Every structure is written in structure tokens, then in C-alpha cells.
Amino acid sequence: ELLKLMESLQRDGVQYVDKPFYAAGYDSPFKLTNRRNEVWVLKK
């Protein structure tokens, strides 16, 4: 997902910081459906 995000930013000509980067999780292991995860890349 991080690679897909960076490819999208390159496609749009957006300047970004390639490292460090972040992953974010919103759900406990007990939640089985509609889980939400994110990857973050910082703006340059």
C-alpha cells in the first residue's frame, strides 16, 4: 500500500518525503469486518 501511495504521488507530480513513513491502525484484533488501516507519507 505504501508503494501504491508513492506511485500515485509520483503520477501527480507531488513532492513528498520518502522516509520516514507511517502506518496507522484503527481497529482491535477482535474486529473482523470493515477494518481501517492507513499508510502516511509526509509532504515535502
PDB file of all heavy atoms in Angstrom:
ATOM      1  N   GLU A   1       0.834  -1.212   0.000  1.00  0.00           N
ATOM      2  CA  GLU A   1       0.000   0.000   0.000  1.00  0.00           C
ATOM      3  C   GLU A   1       0.867   1.260   0.000  1.00  0.00           C
ATOM      4  O   GLU A   1       0.524   2.256  -0.638  1.00  0.00           O
ATOM      5  CB  GLU A   1      -0.938  -0.010   1.219  1.00  0.00           C
ATOM      6  CG  GLU A   1      -1.961  -1.134   1.207  1.00  0.00           C
ATOM      7  CD  GLU A   1      -2.969  -1.039   0.072  1.00  0.00           C
ATOM      8  OE1 GLU A   1      -3.243   0.085  -0.398  1.00  0.00           O
ATOM      9  OE2 GLU A   1      -3.488  -2.082  -0.350  1.00  0.00           O
ATOM     10  N   LEU A   2       1.984   1.207   0.701  1.00  0.00           N
ATOM     11  CA  LEU A   2       2.923   2.330   0.713  1.00  0.00           C
ATOM     12  C   LEU A   2       3.459   2.585  -0.696  1.00  0.00           C
ATOM     13  O   LEU A   2       3.530   3.735  -1.164  1.00  0.00           O
ATOM     14  CB  LEU A   2       4.068   2.030   1.677  1.00  0.00           C
ATOM     15  CG  LEU A   2       5.118   3.121   1.846  1.00  0.00           C
ATOM     16  CD1 LEU A   2       4.540   4.322   2.591  1.00  0.00           C
ATOM     17  CD2 LEU A   2       6.326   2.587   2.604  1.00  0.00           C
ATOM     18  N   LEU A   3       3.804   1.516  -1.395  1.00  0.00           N
ATOM     19  CA  LEU A   3       4.310   1.631  -2.762  1.00  0.00           C
ATOM     20  C   LEU A   3       3.242   2.229  -3.682  1.00  0.00           C
ATOM     21  O   LEU A   3       3.530   3.109  -4.508  1.00  0.00           O
ATOM     22  CB  LEU A   3       4.736   0.246  -3.271  1.00  0.00           C
ATOM     23  CG  LEU A   3       5.554   0.210  -4.553  1.00  0.00           C
ATOM     24  CD1 LEU A   3       6.853   0.988  -4.417  1.00  0.00           C
ATOM     25  CD2 LEU A   3       5.841  -1.233  -4.957  1.00  0.00           C
ATOM     26  N   LYS A   4       1.994   1.787  -3.515  1.00  0.00           N
ATOM     27  CA  LYS A   4       0.887   2.327  -4.333  1.00  0.00           C
ATOM     28  C   LYS A   4       0.711   3.820  -4.074  1.00  0.00           C
ATOM     29  O   LYS A   4       0.475   4.595  -5.002  1.00  0.00           O
ATOM     30  CB  LYS A   4      -0.416   1.584  -4.011  1.00  0.00           C
ATOM     31  CG  LYS A   4      -0.482   0.164  -4.553  1.00  0.00           C
ATOM     32  CD  LYS A   4      -1.773  -0.520  -4.096  1.00  0.00           C
ATOM     33  CE  LYS A   4      -1.786  -1.981  -4.490  1.00  0.00           C
ATOM     34  NZ  LYS A   4      -2.957  -2.689  -3.900  1.00  0.00           N
ATOM     35  N   LEU A   5       0.829   4.215  -2.799  1.00  0.00           N
ATOM     36  CA  LEU A   5       0.693   5.636  -2.456  1.00  0.00           C
ATOM     37  C   LEU A   5       1.803   6.448  -3.111  1.00  0.00           C
ATOM     38  O   LEU A   5       1.545   7.492  -3.726  1.00  0.00           O
ATOM     39  CB  LEU A   5       0.720   5.811  -0.932  1.00  0.00           C
ATOM     40  CG  LEU A   5       0.737   7.243  -0.400  1.00  0.00           C
ATOM     41  CD1 LEU A   5      -0.453   8.048  -0.904  1.00  0.00           C
ATOM     42  CD2 LEU A   5       0.779   7.249   1.136  1.00  0.00           C
ATOM     43  N   MET A   6       3.042   5.964  -3.016  1.00  0.00           N
ATOM     44  CA  MET A   6       4.162   6.700  -3.623  1.00  0.00           C
ATOM     45  C   MET A   6       4.029   6.768  -5.138  1.00  0.00           C
ATOM     46  O   MET A   6       4.339   7.802  -5.753  1.00  0.00           O
ATOM     47  CB  MET A   6       5.486   6.053  -3.216  1.00  0.00           C
ATOM     48  CG  MET A   6       5.834   6.268  -1.749  1.00  0.00           C
ATOM     49  SD  MET A   6       7.406   5.504  -1.284  1.00  0.00           S
ATOM     50  CE  MET A   6       7.644   6.139   0.390  1.00  0.00           C
ATOM     51  N   GLU A   7       3.531   5.684  -5.752  1.00  0.00           N
ATOM     52  CA  GLU A   7       3.320   5.701  -7.213  1.00  0.00           C
ATOM     53  C   GLU A   7       2.259   6.739  -7.590  1.00  0.00           C
ATOM     54  O   GLU A   7       2.392   7.436  -8.599  1.00  0.00           O
ATOM     55  CB  GLU A   7       2.889   4.302  -7.689  1.00  0.00           C
ATOM     56  CG  GLU A   7       4.040   3.303  -7.721  1.00  0.00           C
ATOM     57  CD  GLU A   7       3.586   1.866  -7.992  1.00  0.00           C
ATOM     58  OE1 GLU A   7       2.346   1.619  -7.966  1.00  0.00           O
ATOM     59  OE2 GLU A   7       4.454   0.998  -8.215  1.00  0.00           O
ATOM     60  N   SER A   8       1.210   6.852  -6.778  1.00  0.00           N
ATOM     61  CA  SER A   8       0.161   7.853  -7.040  1.00  0.00           C
ATOM     62  C   SER A   8       0.710   9.268  -6.919  1.00  0.00           C
ATOM     63  O   SER A   8       0.383  10.145  -7.731  1.00  0.00           O
ATOM     64  CB  SER A   8      -1.003   7.677  -6.063  1.00  0.00           C
ATOM     65  OG  SER A   8      -1.614   6.423  -6.230  1.00  0.00           O
ATOM     66  N   LEU A   9       1.553   9.500  -5.916  1.00  0.00           N
ATOM     67  CA  LEU A   9       2.138  10.834  -5.720  1.00  0.00           C
ATOM     68  C   LEU A   9       3.073  11.185  -6.875  1.00  0.00           C
ATOM     69  O   LEU A   9       3.086  12.321  -7.356  1.00  0.00           O
ATOM     70  CB  LEU A   9       2.874  10.892  -4.380  1.00  0.00           C
ATOM     71  CG  LEU A   9       2.004  10.697  -3.128  1.00  0.00           C
ATOM     72  CD1 LEU A   9       2.861  10.633  -1.878  1.00  0.00           C
ATOM     73  CD2 LEU A   9       0.966  11.805  -2.998  1.00  0.00           C
ATOM     74  N   GLN A  10       3.850  10.187  -7.333  1.00  0.00           N
ATOM     75  CA  GLN A  10       4.743  10.419  -8.481  1.00  0.00           C
ATOM     76  C   GLN A  10       3.923  10.712  -9.740  1.00  0.00           C
ATOM     77  O   GLN A  10       4.261  11.606 -10.525  1.00  0.00           O
ATOM     78  CB  GLN A  10       5.637   9.196  -8.695  1.00  0.00           C
ATOM     79  CG  GLN A  10       6.712   9.047  -7.619  1.00  0.00           C
ATOM     80  CD  GLN A  10       7.344   7.672  -7.596  1.00  0.00           C
ATOM     81  OE1 GLN A  10       7.142   6.861  -8.488  1.00  0.00           O
ATOM     82  NE2 GLN A  10       8.103   7.377  -6.544  1.00  0.00           N
ATOM     83  N   ARG A  11       2.832   9.979  -9.914  1.00  0.00           N
ATOM     84  CA  ARG A  11       1.934  10.196 -11.059  1.00  0.00           C
ATOM     85  C   ARG A  11       1.402  11.627 -11.081  1.00  0.00           C
ATOM     86  O   ARG A  11       1.296  12.250 -12.138  1.00  0.00           O
ATOM     87  CB  ARG A  11       0.771   9.196 -10.946  1.00  0.00           C
ATOM     88  CG  ARG A  11      -0.345   9.367 -11.973  1.00  0.00           C
ATOM     89  CD  ARG A  11      -1.609   8.650 -11.497  1.00  0.00           C
ATOM     90  NE  ARG A  11      -2.188   9.313 -10.334  1.00  0.00           N
ATOM     91  CZ  ARG A  11      -2.978   8.704  -9.439  1.00  0.00           C
ATOM     92  NH1 ARG A  11      -3.254   7.415  -9.541  1.00  0.00           N
ATOM     93  NH2 ARG A  11      -3.473   9.400  -8.424  1.00  0.00           N
ATOM     94  N   ASP A  12       1.087  12.165  -9.868  1.00  0.00           N
ATOM     95  CA  ASP A  12       0.505  13.500  -9.773  1.00  0.00           C
ATOM     96  C   ASP A  12       1.555  14.605  -9.644  1.00  0.00           C
ATOM     97  O   ASP A  12       1.206  15.776  -9.473  1.00  0.00           O
ATOM     98  CB  ASP A  12      -0.457  13.564  -8.574  1.00  0.00           C
ATOM     99  CG  ASP A  12      -1.668  12.653  -8.770  1.00  0.00           C
ATOM    100  OD1 ASP A  12      -1.895  12.198  -9.907  1.00  0.00           O
ATOM    101  OD2 ASP A  12      -2.380  12.393  -7.781  1.00  0.00           O
ATOM    102  N   GLY A  13       2.841  14.203  -9.704  1.00  0.00           N
ATOM    103  CA  GLY A  13       3.912  15.199  -9.621  1.00  0.00           C
ATOM    104  C   GLY A  13       4.005  15.877  -8.265  1.00  0.00           C
ATOM    105  O   GLY A  13       4.395  17.042  -8.162  1.00  0.00           O
ATOM    106  N   VAL A  14       3.662  15.147  -7.206  1.00  0.00           N
ATOM    107  CA  VAL A  14       3.639  15.703  -5.858  1.00  0.00           C
ATOM    108  C   VAL A  14       4.988  15.464  -5.179  1.00  0.00           C
ATOM    109  O   VAL A  14       5.551  14.376  -5.256  1.00  0.00           O
ATOM    110  CB  VAL A  14       2.507  15.032  -5.031  1.00  0.00           C
ATOM    111  CG1 VAL A  14       2.580  15.464  -3.576  1.00  0.00           C
ATOM    112  CG2 VAL A  14       1.149  15.369  -5.626  1.00  0.00           C
ATOM    113  N   GLN A  15       5.499  16.497  -4.512  1.00  0.00           N
ATOM    114  CA  GLN A  15       6.758  16.375  -3.774  1.00  0.00           C
ATOM    115  C   GLN A  15       6.476  15.771  -2.398  1.00  0.00           C
ATOM    116  O   GLN A  15       5.605  16.258  -1.678  1.00  0.00           O
ATOM    117  CB  GLN A  15       7.394  17.754  -3.594  1.00  0.00           C
ATOM    118  CG  GLN A  15       7.814  18.417  -4.904  1.00  0.00           C
ATOM    119  CD  GLN A  15       9.014  17.731  -5.532  1.00  0.00           C
ATOM    120  OE1 GLN A  15      10.044  17.558  -4.909  1.00  0.00           O
ATOM    121  NE2 GLN A  15       8.872  17.316  -6.778  1.00  0.00           N
ATOM    122  N   TYR A  16       7.189  14.720  -2.043  1.00  0.00           N
ATOM    123  CA  TYR A  16       6.968  14.082  -0.743  1.00  0.00           C
ATOM    124  C   TYR A  16       8.292  13.615  -0.156  1.00  0.00           C
ATOM    125  O   TYR A  16       9.305  13.539  -0.837  1.00  0.00           O
ATOM    126  CB  TYR A  16       5.995  12.902  -0.883  1.00  0.00           C
ATOM    127  CG  TYR A  16       6.521  11.758  -1.727  1.00  0.00           C
ATOM    128  CD1 TYR A  16       7.244  10.704  -1.158  1.00  0.00           C
ATOM    129  CD2 TYR A  16       6.305  11.728  -3.108  1.00  0.00           C
ATOM    130  CE1 TYR A  16       7.737   9.660  -1.937  1.00  0.00           C
ATOM    131  CE2 TYR A  16       6.790  10.692  -3.886  1.00  0.00           C
ATOM    132  CZ  TYR A  16       7.502   9.663  -3.295  1.00  0.00           C
ATOM    133  OH  TYR A  16       7.998   8.641  -4.065  1.00  0.00           O
ATOM    134  N   VAL A  17       8.263  13.291   1.146  1.00  0.00           N
ATOM    135  CA  VAL A  17       9.441  12.765   1.843  1.00  0.00           C
ATOM    136  C   VAL A  17       9.344  11.244   1.793  1.00  0.00           C
ATOM    137  O   VAL A  17       8.351  10.674   2.256  1.00  0.00           O
ATOM    138  CB  VAL A  17       9.453  13.250   3.318  1.00  0.00           C
ATOM    139  CG1 VAL A  17      10.654  12.685   4.064  1.00  0.00           C
ATOM    140  CG2 VAL A  17       9.443  14.766   3.379  1.00  0.00           C
ATOM    141  N   ASP A  18      10.353  10.559   1.244  1.00  0.00           N
ATOM    142  CA  ASP A  18      10.223   9.106   1.085  1.00  0.00           C
ATOM    143  C   ASP A  18      10.501   8.332   2.371  1.00  0.00           C
ATOM    144  O   ASP A  18      10.074   7.188   2.519  1.00  0.00           O
ATOM    145  CB  ASP A  18      11.072   8.582  -0.084  1.00  0.00           C
ATOM    146  CG  ASP A  18      12.555   8.862   0.081  1.00  0.00           C
ATOM    147  OD1 ASP A  18      12.923   9.589   1.028  1.00  0.00           O
ATOM    148  OD2 ASP A  18      13.350   8.361  -0.726  1.00  0.00           O
ATOM    149  N   LYS A  19      11.203   8.954   3.324  1.00  0.00           N
ATOM    150  CA  LYS A  19      11.382   8.339   4.642  1.00  0.00           C
ATOM    151  C   LYS A  19      11.676   9.435   5.663  1.00  0.00           C
ATOM    152  O   LYS A  19      12.287  10.437   5.313  1.00  0.00           O
ATOM    153  CB  LYS A  19      12.492   7.284   4.609  1.00  0.00           C
ATOM    154  CG  LYS A  19      13.850   7.788   4.153  1.00  0.00           C
ATOM    155  CD  LYS A  19      14.855   6.640   4.022  1.00  0.00           C
ATOM    156  CE  LYS A  19      16.176   7.181   3.500  1.00  0.00           C
ATOM    157  NZ  LYS A  19      17.166   6.147   3.247  1.00  0.00           N
ATOM    158  N   PRO A  20      11.210   9.289   6.898  1.00  0.00           N
ATOM    159  CA  PRO A  20      10.425   8.165   7.410  1.00  0.00           C
ATOM    160  C   PRO A  20       9.002   8.166   6.846  1.00  0.00           C
ATOM    161  O   PRO A  20       8.565   9.157   6.253  1.00  0.00           O
ATOM    162  CB  PRO A  20      10.398   8.432   8.914  1.00  0.00           C
ATOM    163  CG  PRO A  20      10.460   9.931   9.019  1.00  0.00           C
ATOM    164  CD  PRO A  20      11.367  10.360   7.908  1.00  0.00           C
ATOM    165  N   PHE A  21       8.290   7.071   7.068  1.00  0.00           N
ATOM    166  CA  PHE A  21       6.880   6.966   6.690  1.00  0.00           C
ATOM    167  C   PHE A  21       6.136   6.325   7.852  1.00  0.00           C
ATOM    168  O   PHE A  21       6.753   5.849   8.814  1.00  0.00           O
ATOM    169  CB  PHE A  21       6.713   6.170   5.393  1.00  0.00           C
ATOM    170  CG  PHE A  21       7.489   4.878   5.362  1.00  0.00           C
ATOM    171  CD1 PHE A  21       7.004   3.730   5.956  1.00  0.00           C
ATOM    172  CD2 PHE A  21       8.740   4.823   4.730  1.00  0.00           C
ATOM    173  CE1 PHE A  21       7.729   2.545   5.933  1.00  0.00           C
ATOM    174  CE2 PHE A  21       9.474   3.636   4.696  1.00  0.00           C
ATOM    175  CZ  PHE A  21       8.965   2.492   5.298  1.00  0.00           C
ATOM    176  N   TYR A  22       4.809   6.348   7.766  1.00  0.00           N
ATOM    177  CA  TYR A  22       3.983   5.881   8.883  1.00  0.00           C
ATOM    178  C   TYR A  22       2.959   4.852   8.421  1.00  0.00           C
ATOM    179  O   TYR A  22       2.455   4.914   7.288  1.00  0.00           O
ATOM    180  CB  TYR A  22       3.195   7.045   9.492  1.00  0.00           C
ATOM    181  CG  TYR A  22       4.000   8.039  10.283  1.00  0.00           C
ATOM    182  CD1 TYR A  22       4.740   9.039   9.642  1.00  0.00           C
ATOM    183  CD2 TYR A  22       4.007   8.012  11.677  1.00  0.00           C
ATOM    184  CE1 TYR A  22       5.467   9.972  10.366  1.00  0.00           C
ATOM    185  CE2 TYR A  22       4.731   8.953  12.415  1.00  0.00           C
ATOM    186  CZ  TYR A  22       5.453   9.927  11.752  1.00  0.00           C
ATOM    187  OH  TYR A  22       6.174  10.855  12.470  1.00  0.00           O
ATOM    188  N   ALA A  23       2.622   3.931   9.336  1.00  0.00           N
ATOM    189  CA  ALA A  23       1.433   3.084   9.192  1.00  0.00           C
ATOM    190  C   ALA A  23       0.518   3.431  10.358  1.00  0.00           C
ATOM    191  O   ALA A  23       0.984   3.773  11.447  1.00  0.00           O
ATOM    192  CB  ALA A  23       1.810   1.615   9.230  1.00  0.00           C
ATOM    193  N   ALA A  24      -0.794   3.363  10.130  1.00  0.00           N
ATOM    194  CA  ALA A  24      -1.759   3.680  11.183  1.00  0.00           C
ATOM    195  C   ALA A  24      -2.862   2.629  11.173  1.00  0.00           C
ATOM    196  O   ALA A  24      -3.364   2.251  10.118  1.00  0.00           O
ATOM    197  CB  ALA A  24      -2.352   5.072  10.948  1.00  0.00           C
ATOM    198  N   GLY A  25      -3.209   2.139  12.373  1.00  0.00           N
ATOM    199  CA  GLY A  25      -4.282   1.152  12.505  1.00  0.00           C
ATOM    200  C   GLY A  25      -5.333   1.651  13.481  1.00  0.00           C
ATOM    201  O   GLY A  25      -5.005   2.235  14.512  1.00  0.00           O
ATOM    202  N   TYR A  26      -6.601   1.415  13.138  1.00  0.00           N
ATOM    203  CA  TYR A  26      -7.711   1.949  13.932  1.00  0.00           C
ATOM    204  C   TYR A  26      -8.485   0.887  14.712  1.00  0.00           C
ATOM    205  O   TYR A  26      -9.344   1.217  15.514  1.00  0.00           O
ATOM    206  CB  TYR A  26      -8.694   2.682  13.009  1.00  0.00           C
ATOM    207  CG  TYR A  26      -8.154   3.994  12.494  1.00  0.00           C
ATOM    208  CD1 TYR A  26      -7.240   4.039  11.439  1.00  0.00           C
ATOM    209  CD2 TYR A  26      -8.540   5.205  13.073  1.00  0.00           C
ATOM    210  CE1 TYR A  26      -6.729   5.239  10.981  1.00  0.00           C
ATOM    211  CE2 TYR A  26      -8.035   6.420  12.613  1.00  0.00           C
ATOM    212  CZ  TYR A  26      -7.133   6.425  11.563  1.00  0.00           C
ATOM    213  OH  TYR A  26      -6.615   7.609  11.116  1.00  0.00           O
ATOM    214  N   ASP A  27      -8.211  -0.390  14.474  1.00  0.00           N
ATOM    215  CA  ASP A  27      -9.089  -1.440  15.000  1.00  0.00           C
ATOM    216  C   ASP A  27      -8.368  -2.442  15.883  1.00  0.00           C
ATOM    217  O   ASP A  27      -7.180  -2.718  15.689  1.00  0.00           O
ATOM    218  CB  ASP A  27      -9.743  -2.196  13.833  1.00  0.00           C
ATOM    219  CG  ASP A  27     -10.538  -1.274  12.941  1.00  0.00           C
ATOM    220  OD1 ASP A  27     -11.407  -0.569  13.470  1.00  0.00           O
ATOM    221  OD2 ASP A  27     -10.263  -1.228  11.729  1.00  0.00           O
ATOM    222  N   SER A  28      -9.124  -3.014  16.826  1.00  0.00           N
ATOM    223  CA  SER A  28      -8.586  -4.083  17.663  1.00  0.00           C
ATOM    224  C   SER A  28      -8.551  -5.378  16.850  1.00  0.00           C
ATOM    225  O   SER A  28      -9.252  -5.511  15.846  1.00  0.00           O
ATOM    226  CB  SER A  28      -9.460  -4.269  18.904  1.00  0.00           C
ATOM    227  OG  SER A  28     -10.483  -5.206  18.646  1.00  0.00           O
ATOM    228  N   PRO A  29      -7.764  -6.368  17.279  1.00  0.00           N
ATOM    229  CA  PRO A  29      -7.701  -7.642  16.556  1.00  0.00           C
ATOM    230  C   PRO A  29      -9.040  -8.382  16.532  1.00  0.00           C
ATOM    231  O   PRO A  29      -9.233  -9.283  15.724  1.00  0.00           O
ATOM    232  CB  PRO A  29      -6.666  -8.460  17.345  1.00  0.00           C
ATOM    233  CG  PRO A  29      -5.931  -7.490  18.183  1.00  0.00           C
ATOM    234  CD  PRO A  29      -6.867  -6.350  18.436  1.00  0.00           C
ATOM    235  N   PHE A  30      -9.971  -7.983  17.431  1.00  0.00           N
ATOM    236  CA  PHE A  30     -11.247  -8.683  17.519  1.00  0.00           C
ATOM    237  C   PHE A  30     -12.263  -8.188  16.487  1.00  0.00           C
ATOM    238  O   PHE A  30     -13.304  -8.810  16.315  1.00  0.00           O
ATOM    239  CB  PHE A  30     -11.835  -8.535  18.925  1.00  0.00           C
ATOM    240  CG  PHE A  30     -10.918  -9.075  19.988  1.00  0.00           C
ATOM    241  CD1 PHE A  30     -10.158  -8.220  20.769  1.00  0.00           C
ATOM    242  CD2 PHE A  30     -10.796 -10.441  20.193  1.00  0.00           C
ATOM    243  CE1 PHE A  30      -9.304  -8.715  21.741  1.00  0.00           C
ATOM    244  CE2 PHE A  30      -9.942 -10.945  21.166  1.00  0.00           C
ATOM    245  CZ  PHE A  30      -9.193 -10.086  21.933  1.00  0.00           C
ATOM    246  N   LYS A  31     -11.976  -7.071  15.856  1.00  0.00           N
ATOM    247  CA  LYS A  31     -12.899  -6.563  14.840  1.00  0.00           C
ATOM    248  C   LYS A  31     -12.596  -7.268  13.522  1.00  0.00           C
ATOM    249  O   LYS A  31     -11.476  -7.189  13.011  1.00  0.00           O
ATOM    250  CB  LYS A  31     -12.754  -5.046  14.690  1.00  0.00           C
ATOM    251  CG  LYS A  31     -13.790  -4.458  13.742  1.00  0.00           C
ATOM    252  CD  LYS A  31     -13.715  -2.946  13.699  1.00  0.00           C
ATOM    253  CE  LYS A  31     -14.750  -2.389  12.745  1.00  0.00           C
ATOM    254  NZ  LYS A  31     -14.649  -0.937  12.581  1.00  0.00           N
ATOM    255  N   LEU A  32     -13.572  -7.961  12.983  1.00  0.00           N
ATOM    256  CA  LEU A  32     -13.323  -8.825  11.818  1.00  0.00           C
ATOM    257  C   LEU A  32     -13.691  -8.169  10.492  1.00  0.00           C
ATOM    258  O   LEU A  32     -13.175  -8.566   9.447  1.00  0.00           O
ATOM    259  CB  LEU A  32     -14.106 -10.141  11.976  1.00  0.00           C
ATOM    260  CG  LEU A  32     -13.791 -10.939  13.256  1.00  0.00           C
ATOM    261  CD1 LEU A  32     -14.634 -12.198  13.310  1.00  0.00           C
ATOM    262  CD2 LEU A  32     -12.311 -11.274  13.347  1.00  0.00           C
ATOM    263  N   THR A  33     -14.608  -7.201  10.501  1.00  0.00           N
ATOM    264  CA  THR A  33     -15.067  -6.604   9.238  1.00  0.00           C
ATOM    265  C   THR A  33     -14.891  -5.084   9.285  1.00  0.00           C
ATOM    266  O   THR A  33     -14.750  -4.494  10.355  1.00  0.00           O
ATOM    267  CB  THR A  33     -16.547  -6.939   8.982  1.00  0.00           C
ATOM    268  OG1 THR A  33     -17.318  -6.448  10.095  1.00  0.00           O
ATOM    269  CG2 THR A  33     -16.755  -8.435   8.842  1.00  0.00           C
ATOM    270  N   ASN A  34     -14.938  -4.494   8.086  1.00  0.00           N
ATOM    271  CA  ASN A  34     -14.833  -3.023   7.953  1.00  0.00           C
ATOM    272  C   ASN A  34     -13.631  -2.461   8.703  1.00  0.00           C
ATOM    273  O   ASN A  34     -13.711  -1.418   9.362  1.00  0.00           O
ATOM    274  CB  ASN A  34     -16.113  -2.329   8.452  1.00  0.00           C
ATOM    275  CG  ASN A  34     -17.325  -2.750   7.657  1.00  0.00           C
ATOM    276  OD1 ASN A  34     -17.263  -2.877   6.428  1.00  0.00           O
ATOM    277  ND2 ASN A  34     -18.426  -3.003   8.330  1.00  0.00           N
ATOM    278  N   ARG A  35     -12.519  -3.144   8.581  1.00  0.00           N
ATOM    279  CA  ARG A  35     -11.307  -2.683   9.259  1.00  0.00           C
ATOM    280  C   ARG A  35     -10.703  -1.503   8.504  1.00  0.00           C
ATOM    281  O   ARG A  35     -10.825  -1.402   7.282  1.00  0.00           O
ATOM    282  CB  ARG A  35     -10.291  -3.834   9.361  1.00  0.00           C
ATOM    283  CG  ARG A  35     -10.772  -4.972  10.252  1.00  0.00           C
ATOM    284  CD  ARG A  35      -9.733  -6.082  10.350  1.00  0.00           C
ATOM    285  NE  ARG A  35      -8.510  -5.613  10.975  1.00  0.00           N
ATOM    286  CZ  ARG A  35      -8.342  -5.462  12.294  1.00  0.00           C
ATOM    287  NH1 ARG A  35      -9.320  -5.759  13.118  1.00  0.00           N
ATOM    288  NH2 ARG A  35      -7.187  -5.023  12.777  1.00  0.00           N
ATOM    289  N   ARG A  36     -10.044  -0.623   9.243  1.00  0.00           N
ATOM    290  CA  ARG A  36      -9.467   0.590   8.640  1.00  0.00           C
ATOM    291  C   ARG A  36      -7.980   0.671   8.972  1.00  0.00           C
ATOM    292  O   ARG A  36      -7.596   0.701  10.133  1.00  0.00           O
ATOM    293  CB  ARG A  36     -10.193   1.824   9.181  1.00  0.00           C
ATOM    294  CG  ARG A  36      -9.627   3.146   8.656  1.00  0.00           C
ATOM    295  CD  ARG A  36     -10.380   4.300   9.273  1.00  0.00           C
ATOM    296  NE  ARG A  36      -9.754   5.577   9.012  1.00  0.00           N
ATOM    297  CZ  ARG A  36     -10.079   6.714   9.639  1.00  0.00           C
ATOM    298  NH1 ARG A  36     -11.027   6.709  10.560  1.00  0.00           N
ATOM    299  NH2 ARG A  36      -9.455   7.846   9.349  1.00  0.00           N
ATOM    300  N   ASN A  37      -7.180   0.696   7.934  1.00  0.00           N
ATOM    301  CA  ASN A  37      -5.728   0.865   8.059  1.00  0.00           C
ATOM    302  C   ASN A  37      -5.297   1.985   7.123  1.00  0.00           C
ATOM    303  O   ASN A  37      -5.971   2.261   6.123  1.00  0.00           O
ATOM    304  CB  ASN A  37      -4.985  -0.414   7.633  1.00  0.00           C
ATOM    305  CG  ASN A  37      -5.594  -1.657   8.231  1.00  0.00           C
ATOM    306  OD1 ASN A  37      -5.512  -1.880   9.420  1.00  0.00           O
ATOM    307  ND2 ASN A  37      -6.227  -2.481   7.397  1.00  0.00           N
ATOM    308  N   GLU A  38      -4.173   2.593   7.433  1.00  0.00           N
ATOM    309  CA  GLU A  38      -3.664   3.674   6.582  1.00  0.00           C
ATOM    310  C   GLU A  38      -2.146   3.617   6.498  1.00  0.00           C
ATOM    311  O   GLU A  38      -1.479   3.113   7.415  1.00  0.00           O
ATOM    312  CB  GLU A  38      -4.070   5.035   7.161  1.00  0.00           C
ATOM    313  CG  GLU A  38      -5.555   5.275   7.152  1.00  0.00           C
ATOM    314  CD  GLU A  38      -5.969   6.527   7.909  1.00  0.00           C
ATOM    315  OE1 GLU A  38      -5.142   7.106   8.652  1.00  0.00           O
ATOM    316  OE2 GLU A  38      -7.143   6.908   7.779  1.00  0.00           O
ATOM    317  N   VAL A  39      -1.610   4.158   5.409  1.00  0.00           N
ATOM    318  CA  VAL A  39      -0.185   4.495   5.329  1.00  0.00           C
ATOM    319  C   VAL A  39      -0.099   5.993   5.071  1.00  0.00           C
ATOM    320  O   VAL A  39      -0.923   6.559   4.352  1.00  0.00           O
ATOM    321  CB  VAL A  39       0.560   3.691   4.229  1.00  0.00           C
ATOM    322  CG1 VAL A  39       0.819   2.271   4.683  1.00  0.00           C
ATOM    323  CG2 VAL A  39      -0.186   3.699   2.898  1.00  0.00           C
ATOM    324  N   TRP A  40       0.891   6.621   5.720  1.00  0.00           N
ATOM    325  CA  TRP A  40       1.089   8.070   5.605  1.00  0.00           C
ATOM    326  C   TRP A  40       2.482   8.352   5.058  1.00  0.00           C
ATOM    327  O   TRP A  40       3.461   7.779   5.519  1.00  0.00           O
ATOM    328  CB  TRP A  40       1.003   8.760   6.967  1.00  0.00           C
ATOM    329  CG  TRP A  40      -0.255   8.590   7.749  1.00  0.00           C
ATOM    330  CD1 TRP A  40      -1.419   7.993   7.366  1.00  0.00           C
ATOM    331  CD2 TRP A  40      -0.477   9.042   9.097  1.00  0.00           C
ATOM    332  NE1 TRP A  40      -2.342   8.034   8.377  1.00  0.00           N
ATOM    333  CE2 TRP A  40      -1.785   8.675   9.457  1.00  0.00           C
ATOM    334  CE3 TRP A  40       0.314   9.722  10.027  1.00  0.00           C
ATOM    335  CZ2 TRP A  40      -2.328   8.966  10.719  1.00  0.00           C
ATOM    336  CZ3 TRP A  40      -0.209  10.009  11.278  1.00  0.00           C
ATOM    337  CH2 TRP A  40      -1.517   9.638  11.610  1.00  0.00           C
ATOM    338  N   VAL A  41       2.530   9.282   4.110  1.00  0.00           N
ATOM    339  CA  VAL A  41       3.806   9.806   3.610  1.00  0.00           C
ATOM    340  C   VAL A  41       3.766  11.313   3.826  1.00  0.00           C
ATOM    341  O   VAL A  41       2.756  11.970   3.545  1.00  0.00           O
ATOM    342  CB  VAL A  41       3.986   9.463   2.110  1.00  0.00           C
ATOM    343  CG1 VAL A  41       5.148  10.225   1.519  1.00  0.00           C
ATOM    344  CG2 VAL A  41       4.195   7.962   1.929  1.00  0.00           C
ATOM    345  N   LEU A  42       4.834  11.878   4.355  1.00  0.00           N
ATOM    346  CA  LEU A  42       4.833  13.294   4.709  1.00  0.00           C
ATOM    347  C   LEU A  42       5.059  14.184   3.494  1.00  0.00           C
ATOM    348  O   LEU A  42       5.812  13.844   2.583  1.00  0.00           O
ATOM    349  CB  LEU A  42       5.909  13.578   5.760  1.00  0.00           C
ATOM    350  CG  LEU A  42       5.771  12.793   7.077  1.00  0.00           C
ATOM    351  CD1 LEU A  42       6.868  13.218   8.050  1.00  0.00           C
ATOM    352  CD2 LEU A  42       4.401  12.967   7.703  1.00  0.00           C
ATOM    353  N   LYS A  43       4.403  15.339   3.525  1.00  0.00           N
ATOM    354  CA  LYS A  43       4.563  16.338   2.473  1.00  0.00           C
ATOM    355  C   LYS A  43       5.945  16.972   2.582  1.00  0.00           C
ATOM    356  O   LYS A  43       6.419  17.245   3.676  1.00  0.00           O
ATOM    357  CB  LYS A  43       3.490  17.415   2.628  1.00  0.00           C
ATOM    358  CG  LYS A  43       3.569  18.528   1.603  1.00  0.00           C
ATOM    359  CD  LYS A  43       2.472  19.560   1.856  1.00  0.00           C
ATOM    360  CE  LYS A  43       2.530  20.683   0.841  1.00  0.00           C
ATOM    361  NZ  LYS A  43       1.487  21.701   1.096  1.00  0.00           N
ATOM    362  N   LYS A  44       6.591  17.175   1.445  1.00  0.00           N
ATOM    363  CA  LYS A  44       7.898  17.834   1.425  1.00  0.00           C
ATOM    364  C   LYS A  44       7.692  19.323   1.556  1.00  0.00           C
ATOM    365  O   LYS A  44       6.979  19.949   0.764  1.00  0.00           O
ATOM    366  CB  LYS A  44       8.638  17.500   0.130  1.00  0.00           C
ATOM    367  CG  LYS A  44      10.094  17.883   0.155  1.00  0.00           C
ATOM    368  CD  LYS A  44      10.839  17.266  -1.015  1.00  0.00           C
ATOM    369  CE  LYS A  44      12.334  17.408  -0.840  1.00  0.00           C
ATOM    370  NZ  LYS A  44      13.087  16.747  -1.909  1.00  0.00           N
TER     371      LYS A  44
END
